Amino acid sequence: MKVTNLAISFLASLVTVGSPALAFSLAPYSSSRVAITRRQHNGVSFAPRMSSEDDSNVSADKETSIVEDFREKQSFTSTATSKKDKIDVTMKFGGSSLANADRIHHVTALIKDQIAAGYRPRAVICSAMGKTTNALLSAGDFALEGRVNIDAIRTLHYAALDEFDVNESVRNEVVELLNECEDLLNGVKLIQELSPKSLDQLVSYGERCSVRIVAARLNQIGVPAQAFDSWDVGVLTDSNFGDAKLLPESEDAIRNAFLNRLDPDVVAVVTGFIGKDRNGKITTLGRGGSDLSATAIGAACQLDEIQVWKDVDGILSADPRLVQKAVPVDDVSYEEASELAYFGAQVLHPIAMQPAMKYNVPVRVKNSYNPSAKGTVIGKREGPAPRLVTAITCKRGIQLLDIESTQMLGAYGFLANVFKDLEQNRLSVDVLASSEVSVSLTLDKKQKTDNVDHAVAKLSEYANVTVKKDRAILTLITDVQRSSQVLATAFRVFDTCGLEVEMMSQGASKVNISFVLKNEQIDDAITNLHKCFFEDKCVVSN
């Protein structure tokens, strides 16, 4: 179905929004073409290849043609006619891709195939095997209760060591790390304390064991590789244990390590998720930090592409668990990817986009279980998006606060006071819509209940505050220059399906439009919007 432009008056009359503050703007639609571009390199820009990398079952001829297609779109040297022999990439693999010995065997074979196809992985960034991180966190909790047991963690790693029959030195390294992990837990048991610093060291053992096994397997199948803890290749962080940030000097340290110390033809298998602070203490980058490890290394070295291998075929138009006909999205902009991550799509860590954006290095999201799928390229876009809506995502379990001033219209400082009270209670706002004397905003479920209650009490001193729980944010990733079309269709779907929108906000990023609905209505809203924007089966007609 083609989406038609509707008069704003029709749109306004179609739905009555219950929130005291509703604001949006409708911009004209532009139909110019779109291009995803790579960074400027020696004065030449190029678009990353959109065809798929093939798995081990495809022919060498096809692999070669894919790489030649990539090379035709780029220039790497000072002369316009020369070509680069290898395509330098980082490759990141998450825990599900490294769940056991079979998966590690598959991943290492995949890496070898990519090398045969013309790619040169300067770094392979690995998460812990399977659910090892969660197991280590649980082991820490049990240690506080007086019980120390990492038998299941040992069994998982020993099984991989046995399956691959690794050499004695690698086995000893892994065994020594697991013994050290158990010693740490015994210390926790004795002193009955697990500080954030100790917790970061505890969870680091998963990645540190993983990279040693992966590197050993790569060497066994003929791929020269060496395992590195991330701090050995320049990953430096602050001392905010549990959610550390990369230090500015880390960029130069990473670049120096890869350009001056490491052999470019030896695959550096690097721990994701972890780093060290200036005092030499192990830190973690927070959940999803392995993505940041990959993009930080790829961007610092200004490589040709950052590959993030997951268990899905790239970025999809919606959650496939809810929408069976969700389709892969070929390409998205950095801004779109960041908004998708922030509003609930489990694709990339939001902060992971920043290094890639800085140097305009494209990020390709691929499926390690289905290597032939072409995945999604995240890069810099010139011009509007090629489609009306890129993807639909949601964030459930949020609270909606309607705050209406009890003082005179236009009272000075109303909004300033609102945000001061939120800041003092360490409350982070997801979306908001405001007028001069009223504001509606959402708080996600991670906020502490005591902080929310205290903030509401302070706000109630000068405003009427209504708290609505069990709400959800539905976000359309779209080019807001085409918001007239998007909003017309969305509100007609809401009206036809009897769905009540309680708040709407158009983000300053210009790539998202968000609606707040009740939790129980969000599934119907997503499935019906997806039919309209992606399946040509809209519940409303032209």
Protein backbone atom coordinates (compact mmCIF):
# COMPACT_ATOMS: atom_id res chain seq x y z
CA MET A 1 0.00 0.00 0.00
CA LYS A 2 1.25 3.46 -0.80
CA VAL A 3 1.07 5.90 2.11
CA THR A 4 -0.67 9.13 1.14
CA ASN A 5 -0.29 12.64 2.51
CA LEU A 6 -3.23 13.73 4.63
CA ALA A 7 -4.13 17.24 5.57
CA ILE A 8 -2.95 18.25 9.02
CA SER A 9 -6.49 19.16 9.93
CA PHE A 10 -7.59 15.59 9.25
CA LEU A 11 -4.72 14.27 11.36
CA ALA A 12 -5.54 16.55 14.24
CA SER A 13 -9.20 15.58 14.20
CA LEU A 14 -8.54 11.87 13.96
CA VAL A 15 -7.02 11.26 17.40
CA THR A 16 -7.41 13.02 20.71
CA VAL A 17 -4.29 12.72 22.79
CA GLY A 18 -4.80 12.62 26.54
CA SER A 19 -1.51 14.11 27.62
CA PRO A 20 -1.50 17.79 28.66
CA ALA A 21 1.51 18.35 26.42
CA LEU A 22 1.68 17.18 22.83
CA ALA A 23 4.04 18.73 20.35
CA PHE A 24 5.22 17.69 16.92
CA SER A 25 6.26 19.25 13.66
CA LEU A 26 5.45 18.09 10.15
CA ALA A 27 8.15 18.66 7.56
CA PRO A 28 7.81 18.36 3.79
CA TYR A 29 8.70 15.10 2.13
CA SER A 30 11.81 14.95 0.02
CA SER A 31 12.41 12.13 -2.44
CA SER A 32 16.09 12.63 -3.18
CA ARG A 33 18.26 9.55 -3.38
CA VAL A 34 20.29 8.17 -0.50
CA ALA A 35 23.85 7.00 -0.27
CA ILE A 36 25.71 5.34 2.58
CA THR A 37 29.30 6.53 2.31
CA ARG A 38 32.62 5.51 3.80
CA ARG A 39 35.10 7.98 5.19
CA GLN A 40 37.23 10.13 2.90
CA HIS A 41 40.51 8.34 2.27
CA ASN A 42 43.12 10.24 0.29
CA GLY A 43 40.40 12.46 -1.10
CA VAL A 44 38.16 9.62 -2.31
CA SER A 45 34.90 8.48 -0.74
CA PHE A 46 33.21 5.20 -1.42
CA ALA A 47 30.12 3.24 -0.47
CA PRO A 48 30.53 0.00 1.47
CA ARG A 49 29.60 -3.10 -0.42
CA MET A 50 26.00 -4.23 0.12
CA SER A 51 26.42 -7.79 -1.18
CA SER A 52 26.89 -10.60 1.30
CA GLU A 53 30.02 -12.33 2.47
CA ASP A 54 29.66 -15.99 1.67
CA ASP A 55 30.04 -18.94 4.04
CA SER A 56 32.32 -21.91 3.69
CA ASN A 57 29.99 -23.70 1.28
CA VAL A 58 30.25 -21.19 -1.56
CA SER A 59 32.84 -21.31 -4.30
CA ALA A 60 36.17 -19.50 -4.26
CA ASP A 61 35.22 -17.76 -7.51
CA LYS A 62 32.20 -16.16 -5.88
CA GLU A 63 34.26 -15.13 -2.86
CA THR A 64 36.80 -13.48 -5.15
CA SER A 65 34.14 -11.61 -7.10
CA ILE A 66 32.67 -10.24 -3.85
CA VAL A 67 36.01 -8.83 -2.77
CA GLU A 68 36.67 -7.34 -6.21
CA ASP A 69 33.27 -5.64 -6.00
CA PHE A 70 34.31 -4.15 -2.65
CA ARG A 71 37.63 -2.95 -4.06
CA GLU A 72 36.02 -1.24 -7.03
CA LYS A 73 34.29 1.12 -4.60
CA GLN A 74 37.36 2.31 -2.73
CA SER A 75 40.81 3.85 -2.92
CA PHE A 76 43.41 3.19 -0.26
CA THR A 77 46.67 4.56 -1.60
CA SER A 78 48.06 7.84 -2.80
CA THR A 79 47.59 6.87 -6.45
CA ALA A 80 44.10 6.65 -7.85
CA THR A 81 44.81 3.52 -9.88
CA SER A 82 46.28 1.28 -7.20
CA LYS A 83 44.29 -1.23 -5.17
CA LYS A 84 44.71 -2.58 -1.67
CA ASP A 85 45.53 -6.27 -1.47
CA LYS A 86 43.61 -6.86 1.76
CA ILE A 87 40.47 -5.38 3.29
CA ASP A 88 41.36 -4.62 6.91
CA VAL A 89 38.57 -5.33 9.40
CA THR A 90 37.83 -6.01 13.02
CA MET A 91 35.50 -8.91 13.74
CA LYS A 92 33.54 -9.13 16.98
CA PHE A 93 31.83 -12.31 18.21
CA GLY A 94 29.40 -12.39 21.12
CA GLY A 95 28.84 -15.08 23.71
CA SER A 96 26.16 -16.95 21.78
CA SER A 97 28.51 -17.22 18.78
CA LEU A 98 31.14 -18.76 21.10
CA ALA A 99 28.75 -20.81 23.23
CA ASN A 100 30.74 -24.07 23.14
CA ALA A 101 33.48 -25.95 21.30
CA ASP A 102 31.27 -26.54 18.26
CA ARG A 103 30.49 -22.84 17.94
CA ILE A 104 34.15 -21.89 18.37
CA HIS A 105 35.06 -24.36 15.63
CA HIS A 106 32.41 -22.76 13.39
CA VAL A 107 33.59 -19.21 14.13
CA THR A 108 37.27 -19.97 13.55
CA ALA A 109 36.41 -21.68 10.25
CA LEU A 110 34.36 -18.60 9.34
CA ILE A 111 37.35 -16.36 10.08
CA LYS A 112 39.56 -18.53 7.87
CA ASP A 113 36.99 -18.30 5.05
CA GLN A 114 36.89 -14.52 5.36
CA ILE A 115 40.68 -14.38 5.11
CA ALA A 116 40.54 -16.56 1.97
CA ALA A 117 38.00 -14.11 0.55
CA GLY A 118 40.41 -11.18 0.86
CA TYR A 119 39.62 -9.81 4.32
CA ARG A 120 42.41 -9.27 6.85
CA PRO A 121 41.11 -9.34 10.43
CA ARG A 122 43.49 -7.08 12.31
CA ALA A 123 41.59 -7.91 15.50
CA VAL A 124 39.01 -10.48 16.50
CA ILE A 125 37.18 -9.29 19.61
CA CYS A 126 35.64 -12.04 21.72
CA SER A 127 33.08 -12.10 24.50
CA ALA A 128 33.03 -14.81 27.16
CA MET A 129 31.82 -18.23 26.09
CA GLY A 130 28.03 -18.65 26.19
CA LYS A 131 26.57 -17.44 29.47
CA THR A 132 29.85 -17.44 31.36
CA THR A 133 29.47 -13.80 32.42
CA ASN A 134 26.11 -14.52 34.05
CA ALA A 135 27.57 -17.64 35.68
CA LEU A 136 30.43 -15.60 37.15
CA LEU A 137 28.01 -12.99 38.50
CA SER A 138 25.98 -15.77 40.13
CA ALA A 139 29.17 -17.29 41.54
CA GLY A 140 29.92 -13.95 43.17
CA ASP A 141 26.47 -13.89 44.81
CA PHE A 142 26.91 -17.45 46.06
CA ALA A 143 30.36 -16.60 47.45
CA LEU A 144 28.77 -13.84 49.54
CA GLU A 145 26.50 -16.54 50.95
CA GLY A 146 29.48 -18.73 51.81
CA ARG A 147 29.47 -21.10 48.82
CA VAL A 148 32.21 -21.24 46.18
CA ASN A 149 31.70 -23.41 43.13
CA ILE A 150 32.75 -22.82 39.51
CA ASP A 151 32.51 -26.44 38.37
CA ALA A 152 30.10 -25.63 35.52
CA ILE A 153 32.42 -22.87 34.27
CA ARG A 154 35.39 -25.20 34.41
CA THR A 155 33.46 -27.95 32.59
CA LEU A 156 32.56 -25.61 29.70
CA HIS A 157 36.13 -24.44 29.16
CA TYR A 158 37.80 -27.80 29.77
CA ALA A 159 35.44 -29.39 27.22
CA ALA A 160 36.67 -26.93 24.59
CA LEU A 161 40.31 -27.51 25.56
CA ASP A 162 39.80 -31.27 25.29
CA GLU A 163 37.84 -31.08 22.04
CA PHE A 164 40.61 -29.11 20.35
CA ASP A 165 43.44 -30.91 22.17
CA VAL A 166 45.25 -27.60 22.62
CA ASN A 167 48.91 -27.45 23.54
CA GLU A 168 49.99 -27.63 27.16
CA SER A 169 50.92 -23.95 27.48
CA VAL A 170 47.44 -22.75 26.46
CA ARG A 171 45.77 -25.31 28.73
CA ASN A 172 47.92 -24.16 31.63
CA GLU A 173 47.04 -20.51 30.99
CA VAL A 174 43.30 -21.24 31.06
CA VAL A 175 43.56 -23.48 34.11
CA GLU A 176 45.64 -20.83 35.92
CA LEU A 177 43.02 -18.15 35.15
CA LEU A 178 40.19 -20.34 36.46
CA ASN A 179 42.18 -21.16 39.60
CA GLU A 180 42.77 -17.44 40.13
CA CYS A 181 39.03 -16.87 39.68
CA GLU A 182 38.25 -19.45 42.35
CA ASP A 183 40.81 -17.89 44.70
CA LEU A 184 39.09 -14.53 44.28
CA LEU A 185 35.74 -16.09 45.14
CA ASN A 186 37.23 -17.70 48.25
CA GLY A 187 38.41 -14.25 49.27
CA VAL A 188 34.89 -12.89 48.78
CA LYS A 189 33.57 -15.73 50.93
CA LEU A 190 36.00 -14.92 53.74
CA ILE A 191 35.56 -11.15 53.90
CA GLN A 192 31.87 -11.19 52.89
CA GLU A 193 32.32 -8.30 50.49
CA LEU A 194 32.28 -7.99 46.71
CA SER A 195 33.20 -4.45 45.70
CA PRO A 196 32.59 -3.10 42.16
CA LYS A 197 36.36 -3.33 41.59
CA SER A 198 36.45 -6.99 42.61
CA LEU A 199 33.33 -7.73 40.59
CA ASP A 200 34.96 -6.34 37.44
CA GLN A 201 37.97 -8.57 37.98
CA LEU A 202 35.69 -11.55 38.59
CA VAL A 203 33.75 -11.24 35.34
CA SER A 204 36.95 -10.57 33.34
CA TYR A 205 37.96 -14.22 33.56
CA GLY A 206 35.32 -15.19 31.00
CA GLU A 207 36.79 -13.08 28.19
CA ARG A 208 40.38 -13.87 29.18
CA CYS A 209 39.78 -17.62 28.91
CA SER A 210 37.75 -17.27 25.71
CA VAL A 211 40.42 -15.45 23.67
CA ARG A 212 43.08 -18.00 24.54
CA ILE A 213 40.94 -20.89 23.32
CA VAL A 214 39.90 -19.08 20.12
CA ALA A 215 43.49 -18.11 19.30
CA ALA A 216 44.68 -21.67 19.90
CA ARG A 217 42.02 -23.04 17.56
CA LEU A 218 42.88 -20.53 14.84
CA ASN A 219 46.52 -21.59 14.98
CA GLN A 220 45.47 -25.23 14.73
CA ILE A 221 43.60 -24.62 11.46
CA GLY A 222 46.43 -22.67 9.93
CA VAL A 223 45.54 -19.08 10.80
CA PRO A 224 48.39 -17.35 12.69
CA ALA A 225 46.85 -15.82 15.82
CA GLN A 226 47.79 -14.52 19.25
CA ALA A 227 45.59 -13.87 22.27
CA PHE A 228 45.71 -10.47 23.97
CA ASP A 229 44.09 -8.97 27.01
CA SER A 230 42.67 -5.66 25.85
CA TRP A 231 45.02 -3.52 27.96
CA ASP A 232 47.95 -5.06 26.12
CA VAL A 233 46.70 -3.42 22.91
CA GLY A 234 45.98 -0.02 24.44
CA VAL A 235 42.45 -0.19 25.89
CA LEU A 236 42.58 2.27 28.81
CA THR A 237 39.58 3.38 30.86
CA ASP A 238 38.60 5.53 33.80
CA SER A 239 38.01 3.96 37.22
CA ASN A 240 34.21 3.84 37.11
CA PHE A 241 34.04 0.12 37.85
CA GLY A 242 31.07 -1.60 36.25
CA ASP A 243 30.52 1.08 33.62
CA ALA A 244 33.94 2.42 32.69
CA LYS A 245 34.54 4.87 29.86
CA LEU A 246 37.46 4.79 27.44
CA LEU A 247 40.07 7.46 28.11
CA PRO A 248 41.01 9.88 25.30
CA GLU A 249 44.59 8.59 25.27
CA SER A 250 43.32 5.08 24.60
CA GLU A 251 42.87 5.95 20.92
CA ASP A 252 46.55 6.73 20.38
CA ALA A 253 47.60 3.75 22.48
CA ILE A 254 45.48 1.37 20.38
CA ARG A 255 46.73 2.88 17.12
CA ASN A 256 50.35 2.62 18.25
CA ALA A 257 49.93 -1.00 19.29
CA PHE A 258 48.44 -2.11 15.99
CA LEU A 259 50.59 0.01 13.69
CA ASN A 260 53.95 -0.38 15.40
CA ARG A 261 53.92 -3.47 17.61
CA LEU A 262 51.60 -6.11 16.13
CA ASP A 263 52.21 -8.12 12.97
CA PRO A 264 49.33 -7.25 10.60
CA ASP A 265 49.31 -10.83 9.27
CA VAL A 266 48.83 -12.35 12.73
CA VAL A 267 45.24 -12.18 13.97
CA ALA A 268 45.09 -10.42 17.33
CA VAL A 269 42.36 -12.15 19.36
CA VAL A 270 41.41 -9.50 21.92
CA THR A 271 39.18 -9.55 24.98
CA GLY A 272 36.05 -7.47 24.58
CA PHE A 273 34.14 -5.77 27.40
CA ILE A 274 37.14 -5.20 29.68
CA GLY A 275 40.04 -2.78 30.08
CA LYS A 276 42.35 -1.36 32.73
CA ASP A 277 42.45 2.01 34.45
CA ARG A 278 45.56 4.14 35.03
CA ASN A 279 46.22 2.23 38.26
CA GLY A 280 46.31 -1.09 36.44
CA LYS A 281 42.98 -2.27 37.84
CA ILE A 282 40.65 -4.27 35.60
CA THR A 283 37.44 -2.49 34.59
CA THR A 284 34.38 -3.39 32.53
CA LEU A 285 32.68 -1.24 29.91
CA GLY A 286 29.17 -2.27 30.96
CA ARG A 287 26.75 -4.61 29.23
CA GLY A 288 27.30 -4.61 25.49
CA GLY A 289 30.79 -3.23 25.98
CA SER A 290 32.30 -5.78 23.59
CA ASP A 291 30.71 -3.82 20.74
CA LEU A 292 32.53 -0.73 21.98
CA SER A 293 35.79 -2.66 22.15
CA ALA A 294 35.39 -3.61 18.48
CA THR A 295 34.46 -0.15 17.23
CA ALA A 296 37.14 1.55 19.34
CA ILE A 297 39.89 -0.62 17.82
CA GLY A 298 38.51 -0.42 14.29
CA ALA A 299 38.09 3.35 14.46
CA ALA A 300 41.43 4.07 16.14
CA CYS A 301 43.21 2.14 13.38
CA GLN A 302 40.86 3.60 10.75
CA LEU A 303 40.24 0.18 9.24
CA ASP A 304 38.03 -0.45 6.24
CA GLU A 305 35.14 -2.06 8.10
CA ILE A 306 34.03 -3.12 11.57
CA GLN A 307 32.17 -6.44 11.53
CA VAL A 308 29.91 -7.32 14.46
CA TRP A 309 28.82 -10.96 14.27
CA LYS A 310 25.66 -11.77 16.21
CA ASP A 311 22.89 -14.38 16.17
CA VAL A 312 20.49 -12.41 13.94
CA ASP A 313 20.59 -11.49 10.24
CA GLY A 314 21.60 -7.89 10.90
CA ILE A 315 19.14 -5.23 12.00
CA LEU A 316 15.51 -6.22 11.43
CA SER A 317 12.46 -4.05 10.80
CA ALA A 318 10.93 -5.21 14.12
CA ASP A 319 11.43 -7.78 16.87
CA PRO A 320 11.06 -11.16 15.09
CA ARG A 321 9.66 -12.70 18.28
CA LEU A 322 6.66 -10.43 17.88
CA VAL A 323 6.53 -9.83 14.13
CA GLN A 324 7.03 -13.03 12.17
CA LYS A 325 7.47 -11.16 8.89
CA ALA A 326 10.17 -8.82 10.17
CA VAL A 327 12.65 -8.19 7.37
CA PRO A 328 16.39 -7.38 7.44
CA VAL A 329 17.31 -3.74 6.85
CA ASP A 330 20.13 -3.37 4.32
CA ASP A 331 21.55 -0.14 5.70
CA VAL A 332 20.98 2.42 8.43
CA SER A 333 22.71 5.63 9.42
CA TYR A 334 24.79 5.93 12.59
CA GLU A 335 22.04 8.09 14.09
CA GLU A 336 19.33 5.55 13.28
CA ALA A 337 21.37 2.72 14.79
CA SER A 338 21.93 4.73 17.98
CA GLU A 339 18.23 5.51 18.33
CA LEU A 340 17.30 1.88 17.69
CA ALA A 341 19.65 0.75 20.44
CA TYR A 342 18.47 3.41 22.89
CA PHE A 343 14.81 2.59 22.39
CA GLY A 344 15.08 -1.13 22.92
CA ALA A 345 16.53 -2.89 19.86
CA GLN A 346 19.22 -5.33 21.05
CA VAL A 347 21.61 -4.72 18.18
CA LEU A 348 24.56 -2.57 19.22
CA HIS A 349 25.52 -0.77 22.39
CA PRO A 350 24.48 2.89 21.89
CA ILE A 351 27.91 4.21 22.89
CA ALA A 352 29.57 1.79 20.45
CA MET A 353 28.53 4.02 17.54
CA GLN A 354 30.63 6.96 18.68
CA PRO A 355 34.14 5.80 17.62
CA ALA A 356 32.84 4.61 14.23
CA MET A 357 31.04 7.93 13.67
CA LYS A 358 34.18 9.91 14.54
CA TYR A 359 36.17 8.37 11.69
CA ASN A 360 33.25 7.36 9.49
CA VAL A 361 34.16 3.68 9.52
CA PRO A 362 31.19 1.51 8.42
CA VAL A 363 29.90 -1.16 10.81
CA ARG A 364 28.47 -4.34 9.32
CA VAL A 365 26.15 -6.45 11.52
CA LYS A 366 26.30 -10.11 10.45
CA ASN A 367 24.90 -13.46 11.62
CA SER A 368 27.51 -16.02 12.66
CA TYR A 369 24.84 -18.74 12.42
CA ASN A 370 24.00 -17.66 8.86
CA PRO A 371 27.13 -16.15 7.29
CA SER A 372 25.59 -15.99 3.80
CA ALA A 373 23.07 -13.37 4.96
CA LYS A 374 24.36 -9.97 3.86
CA GLY A 375 23.57 -8.28 7.16
CA THR A 376 23.15 -4.56 7.77
CA VAL A 377 25.66 -1.79 7.06
CA ILE A 378 25.70 1.14 9.48
CA GLY A 379 27.32 4.22 8.02
CA LYS A 380 27.08 7.88 7.15
CA ARG A 381 24.08 8.81 5.04
CA GLU A 382 23.94 11.67 2.59
CA GLY A 383 20.37 12.71 1.84
CA PRO A 384 17.09 11.35 3.20
CA ALA A 385 16.41 7.69 4.01
CA PRO A 386 15.43 5.45 1.09
CA ARG A 387 12.25 4.28 2.80
CA LEU A 388 9.44 5.83 4.78
CA VAL A 389 10.15 3.90 8.00
CA THR A 390 13.43 2.09 8.66
CA ALA A 391 12.41 0.05 11.70
CA ILE A 392 9.97 -0.17 14.61
CA THR A 393 11.10 -0.75 18.17
CA CYS A 394 9.75 -0.32 21.68
CA LYS A 395 10.70 0.09 25.30
CA ARG A 396 8.32 -1.52 27.78
CA GLY A 397 7.64 -1.00 31.46
CA ILE A 398 8.15 2.75 31.58
CA GLN A 399 6.34 5.36 33.70
CA LEU A 400 4.64 8.44 32.25
CA LEU A 401 4.63 11.62 34.32
CA ASP A 402 2.21 14.42 33.44
CA ILE A 403 3.34 17.59 35.22
CA GLU A 404 1.12 20.71 35.06
CA SER A 405 2.06 23.94 36.82
CA THR A 406 -0.33 25.19 39.52
CA GLN A 407 1.09 28.68 39.21
CA MET A 408 0.19 31.45 36.79
CA LEU A 409 0.54 30.90 33.04
CA GLY A 410 4.09 31.39 31.88
CA ALA A 411 5.51 31.27 35.40
CA TYR A 412 9.23 31.92 35.22
CA GLY A 413 11.44 28.91 35.87
CA PHE A 414 8.80 26.15 35.76
CA LEU A 415 10.71 23.88 33.40
CA ALA A 416 14.01 24.76 35.08
CA ASN A 417 12.60 23.63 38.43
CA VAL A 418 11.24 20.41 36.92
CA PHE A 419 14.59 19.36 35.51
CA LYS A 420 16.45 20.46 38.62
CA ASP A 421 14.30 18.17 40.76
CA LEU A 422 14.80 15.30 38.31
CA GLU A 423 18.56 15.85 38.30
CA GLN A 424 18.78 15.96 42.08
CA ASN A 425 17.07 12.57 42.22
CA ARG A 426 19.27 11.13 39.44
CA LEU A 427 16.35 10.48 37.12
CA SER A 428 16.98 10.18 33.40
CA VAL A 429 14.22 11.11 30.96
CA ASP A 430 13.58 9.03 27.83
CA VAL A 431 11.16 11.22 25.86
CA LEU A 432 9.22 14.36 26.64
CA ALA A 433 6.74 16.85 25.23
CA SER A 434 6.29 20.28 26.78
CA SER A 435 4.48 23.58 26.71
CA GLU A 436 5.06 26.75 28.74
CA VAL A 437 3.37 25.44 31.89
CA SER A 438 3.14 21.67 31.42
CA VAL A 439 5.41 18.81 30.52
CA SER A 440 4.93 15.08 29.96
CA LEU A 441 7.94 12.81 30.26
CA THR A 442 8.82 9.15 30.61
CA LEU A 443 11.12 7.34 33.04
CA ASP A 444 12.29 3.79 32.34
CA LYS A 445 11.99 0.88 34.75
CA LYS A 446 15.67 1.08 35.74
CA GLN A 447 14.99 4.17 37.86
CA LYS A 448 14.93 3.58 41.60
CA THR A 449 11.42 3.70 43.07
CA ASP A 450 12.54 5.82 46.05
CA ASN A 451 14.08 8.39 43.72
CA VAL A 452 10.91 8.60 41.63
CA ASP A 453 8.71 8.98 44.72
CA HIS A 454 10.93 11.70 46.15
CA ALA A 455 10.96 13.59 42.84
CA VAL A 456 7.17 13.41 42.58
CA ALA A 457 6.86 14.82 46.10
CA LYS A 458 9.12 17.77 45.20
CA LEU A 459 7.32 18.40 41.91
CA SER A 460 3.96 18.37 43.70
CA GLU A 461 4.96 21.49 45.64
CA TYR A 462 4.37 23.60 42.53
CA ALA A 463 2.60 21.31 40.04
CA ASN A 464 -0.13 18.74 39.65
CA VAL A 465 1.65 15.45 38.96
CA THR A 466 -0.02 12.36 37.52
CA VAL A 467 2.02 9.14 37.44
CA LYS A 468 0.93 6.47 34.98
CA LYS A 469 2.69 3.13 35.26
CA ASP A 470 2.84 0.13 32.90
CA ARG A 471 3.34 2.22 29.80
CA ALA A 472 5.52 1.58 26.73
CA ILE A 473 7.34 3.75 24.21
CA LEU A 474 6.78 2.80 20.58
CA THR A 475 9.45 4.34 18.35
CA LEU A 476 9.42 4.65 14.57
CA ILE A 477 12.90 5.15 13.11
CA THR A 478 12.15 7.43 10.19
CA ASP A 479 13.25 10.51 8.31
CA VAL A 480 11.26 13.26 10.00
CA GLN A 481 11.27 15.26 6.78
CA ARG A 482 8.57 12.77 5.80
CA SER A 483 6.72 12.95 9.12
CA SER A 484 3.46 14.07 7.48
CA GLN A 485 3.16 10.69 5.77
CA VAL A 486 4.36 8.72 8.77
CA LEU A 487 2.05 10.42 11.26
CA ALA A 488 -0.94 10.24 8.95
CA THR A 489 -0.61 6.49 8.61
CA ALA A 490 0.29 5.89 12.26
CA PHE A 491 -2.68 7.80 13.66
CA ARG A 492 -5.08 6.15 11.25
CA VAL A 493 -3.80 2.76 12.43
CA PHE A 494 -4.17 3.79 16.08
CA ASP A 495 -7.72 5.02 15.44
CA THR A 496 -8.78 1.94 13.48
CA CYS A 497 -7.39 -0.43 16.13
CA GLY A 498 -8.78 1.56 19.07
CA LEU A 499 -5.35 2.36 20.49
CA GLU A 500 -4.95 5.42 22.70
CA VAL A 501 -1.80 7.50 22.33
CA GLU A 502 -1.04 9.25 25.61
CA MET A 503 1.98 11.22 24.45
CA MET A 504 3.98 11.83 21.31
CA SER A 505 7.48 13.21 20.85
CA GLN A 506 9.63 13.89 17.82
CA GLY A 507 13.30 13.55 18.73
CA ALA A 508 15.90 16.24 18.18
CA SER A 509 17.96 13.63 16.31
CA LYS A 510 15.48 13.96 13.41
CA VAL A 511 15.35 10.20 12.92
CA ASN A 512 12.68 9.08 15.38
CA ILE A 513 9.05 9.66 16.32
CA SER A 514 7.92 8.15 19.62
CA PHE A 515 4.47 7.38 21.01
CA VAL A 516 3.52 6.37 24.54
CA LEU A 517 0.81 3.74 24.91
CA LYS A 518 -0.31 1.27 27.55
CA ASN A 519 1.81 -1.87 27.82
CA GLU A 520 -1.07 -4.12 26.81
CA GLN A 521 -1.59 -2.18 23.57
CA ILE A 522 1.99 -2.11 22.33
CA ASP A 523 1.97 -5.50 20.56
CA ASP A 524 -1.13 -4.65 18.51
CA ALA A 525 0.34 -1.28 17.63
CA ILE A 526 3.65 -2.72 16.41
CA THR A 527 2.16 -5.58 14.39
CA ASN A 528 -0.37 -3.34 12.64
CA LEU A 529 2.13 -0.58 11.92
CA HIS A 530 4.53 -3.16 10.53
CA LYS A 531 1.84 -4.41 8.17
CA CYS A 532 1.39 -0.89 6.83
CA PHE A 533 5.00 0.14 6.49
CA PHE A 534 6.61 -3.18 5.51
CA GLU A 535 4.07 -5.82 4.49
CA ASP A 536 1.69 -3.96 2.17
CA LYS A 537 -1.23 -5.25 4.26
CA CYS A 538 -2.35 -2.11 6.03
CA VAL A 539 -5.45 -2.20 8.23
CA VAL A 540 -6.44 1.16 6.76
CA SER A 541 -6.95 1.95 3.10
CA ASN A 542 -5.87 4.93 1.03
